[in-house]
Each structure stands twice: as C-alpha cells, then as structure tokens.
Protein backbone atom coordinates (compact mmCIF):
# COMPACT_ATOMS: atom_id res chain seq x y z
CA MET A 1 2.33 -4.78 -66.42
CA LEU A 2 5.56 -6.56 -67.42
CA THR A 3 7.59 -4.88 -70.19
CA ILE A 4 10.78 -6.54 -71.45
CA GLU A 5 13.30 -3.83 -72.36
CA ASN A 6 14.81 -3.90 -75.86
CA ILE A 7 12.74 -6.92 -76.84
CA GLU A 8 13.22 -6.09 -80.53
CA LYS A 9 16.94 -6.98 -80.18
CA ILE A 10 16.25 -10.55 -79.06
CA GLY A 11 16.06 -11.90 -82.61
CA ALA A 12 19.55 -10.57 -83.42
CA ILE A 13 21.25 -12.50 -80.65
CA ASN A 14 22.60 -15.75 -82.08
CA THR A 15 25.59 -16.31 -79.76
CA GLN A 16 23.49 -18.16 -77.12
CA GLN A 17 22.30 -21.76 -77.02
CA VAL A 18 18.74 -20.53 -77.25
CA GLU A 19 17.67 -18.80 -80.45
CA VAL A 20 14.35 -17.01 -80.70
CA LEU A 21 12.58 -17.71 -83.95
CA GLY A 22 9.74 -15.25 -83.36
CA TRP A 23 7.91 -13.33 -80.68
CA ASP A 24 4.65 -11.52 -80.15
CA CYS A 25 3.53 -9.04 -77.49
CA GLU A 26 -0.09 -9.48 -76.48
CA PRO A 27 -1.94 -7.40 -73.88
CA ASP A 28 -1.81 -10.23 -71.30
CA TYR A 29 1.36 -12.19 -72.26
CA TYR A 30 4.49 -12.40 -74.35
CA GLN A 31 4.74 -15.36 -76.71
CA PHE A 32 8.16 -16.64 -77.82
CA LEU A 33 8.98 -19.42 -80.30
CA PHE A 34 12.52 -20.73 -79.90
CA GLU A 35 14.97 -23.53 -80.34
CA HIS A 36 17.90 -24.86 -78.34
CA ASP A 37 21.19 -25.84 -80.05
CA ASN A 38 21.48 -29.15 -78.19
CA ILE A 39 17.82 -30.29 -78.39
CA HIS A 40 17.04 -31.30 -81.96
CA SER A 41 13.82 -33.20 -81.27
CA THR A 42 11.53 -30.21 -80.95
CA SER A 43 11.05 -26.46 -80.88
CA PHE A 44 9.38 -24.60 -78.01
CA LYS A 45 6.77 -21.97 -77.33
CA VAL A 46 6.19 -20.03 -74.12
CA HIS A 47 3.50 -17.69 -72.91
CA MET A 48 4.87 -15.39 -70.24
CA ASN A 49 2.12 -13.54 -68.38
CA ARG A 50 2.52 -9.80 -68.34
CA ASN A 51 0.38 -9.35 -65.28
CA PRO A 52 1.81 -10.47 -61.92
CA GLU A 53 0.35 -13.19 -59.81
CA SER A 54 -2.33 -12.03 -57.39
CA GLY A 55 -0.64 -10.46 -54.38
CA HIS A 56 2.88 -10.82 -55.79
CA LYS A 57 3.90 -7.81 -57.77
CA HIS A 58 7.29 -9.22 -58.89
CA SER A 59 6.22 -12.83 -59.57
CA TYR A 60 4.80 -14.06 -62.84
CA THR A 61 3.77 -17.35 -64.39
CA MET A 62 4.78 -18.92 -67.71
CA LYS A 63 3.56 -21.87 -69.77
CA LEU A 64 6.00 -23.91 -71.87
CA TRP A 65 4.94 -26.13 -74.78
CA ASP A 66 7.05 -28.39 -76.94
CA ASN A 67 5.99 -29.83 -80.33
CA ILE A 68 5.84 -33.32 -78.77
CA ASN A 69 3.31 -32.85 -75.97
CA SER A 70 0.24 -30.59 -76.01
CA THR A 71 0.14 -30.19 -72.21
CA PRO A 72 2.24 -27.24 -71.08
CA LEU A 73 4.63 -27.18 -68.16
CA GLU A 74 4.11 -24.22 -65.83
CA TYR A 75 6.88 -22.15 -64.29
CA ASN A 76 7.22 -19.03 -62.17
CA PHE A 77 9.61 -16.31 -63.03
CA GLY A 78 10.62 -12.92 -61.62
CA LEU A 79 11.42 -9.59 -63.06
CA HIS A 80 15.15 -10.29 -62.75
CA ASP A 81 14.79 -13.32 -65.05
CA VAL A 82 13.64 -11.30 -68.06
CA LYS A 83 15.04 -7.82 -67.54
CA ASP A 84 16.82 -7.75 -70.90
CA PRO A 85 17.28 -10.05 -73.91
CA PHE A 86 20.38 -11.82 -72.58
CA THR A 87 18.90 -12.65 -69.17
CA LEU A 88 15.71 -13.82 -70.90
CA LEU A 89 17.62 -16.21 -73.13
CA ASN A 90 19.56 -17.49 -70.15
CA TYR A 91 16.33 -18.08 -68.24
CA LEU A 92 14.82 -19.98 -71.18
CA LYS A 93 17.96 -22.12 -71.35
CA GLU A 94 17.55 -22.99 -67.65
CA VAL A 95 13.85 -23.79 -68.18
CA LEU A 96 14.79 -26.16 -71.01
CA TYR A 97 17.32 -27.84 -68.73
CA ASP A 98 14.42 -28.59 -66.37
CA TRP A 99 12.21 -29.66 -69.26
CA ASP A 100 14.92 -32.09 -70.34
CA ASN A 101 15.03 -33.60 -66.83
CA VAL A 102 11.26 -33.81 -66.47
CA THR A 103 10.66 -35.36 -69.88
CA ASN A 104 13.85 -37.41 -70.04
CA LYS A 105 14.51 -36.21 -73.57
C-alpha cells in the first residue's frame, strides 16, 4: 500500500509551479485537485492508485482529468516519483507538461 510521507504539508508549499488545492486519501487511491501557474485554461484532478500494479511492487497507475475533457489520461509512476511533497509536485508538473503536448493546449 502506497503511503506518501508528510502529505499534510503539501498544501503549504506555494513556491512551486503546481499548487495543490485539495487532497483526499481513500483506501485505494489518493485524489489531488491542483492548478499550474502557466496553464490558466483549467484545473486538474488525479487519482493515484495506492495498490501497485499486479506483479510490480514499485509501479503504480494514475488517472489525470482536466476540466475540459471527461476522459482521463493514464500514467504510470513509481515510488520515487511521490516519496515526499516536493517530488510529488515536481512529478505532477512533468505530467502536465505531457498533458500540454498531448492536448496542444
């Protein structure tokens, strides 16, 4: 089961391009609502699975939604991507860079 250390501190970090507006810890996933400084067209929501993929104890899946499209994009992430609040924010920033390229926003 994936546990993000010091998750309660993530809302206090406002020095990054990604700012978390809210989060929730469910038994099967983490949910984050967040914005990016340079993307003003939408906000984002992710569900990060807390249980690893079958047969891969350090690999997890995540779904990303924006407020424009109801079909999520799916990504894989590893424990090293979310080990603390700063690495999690950096990972979300990289995911949004991919989202920007895929959607041409």
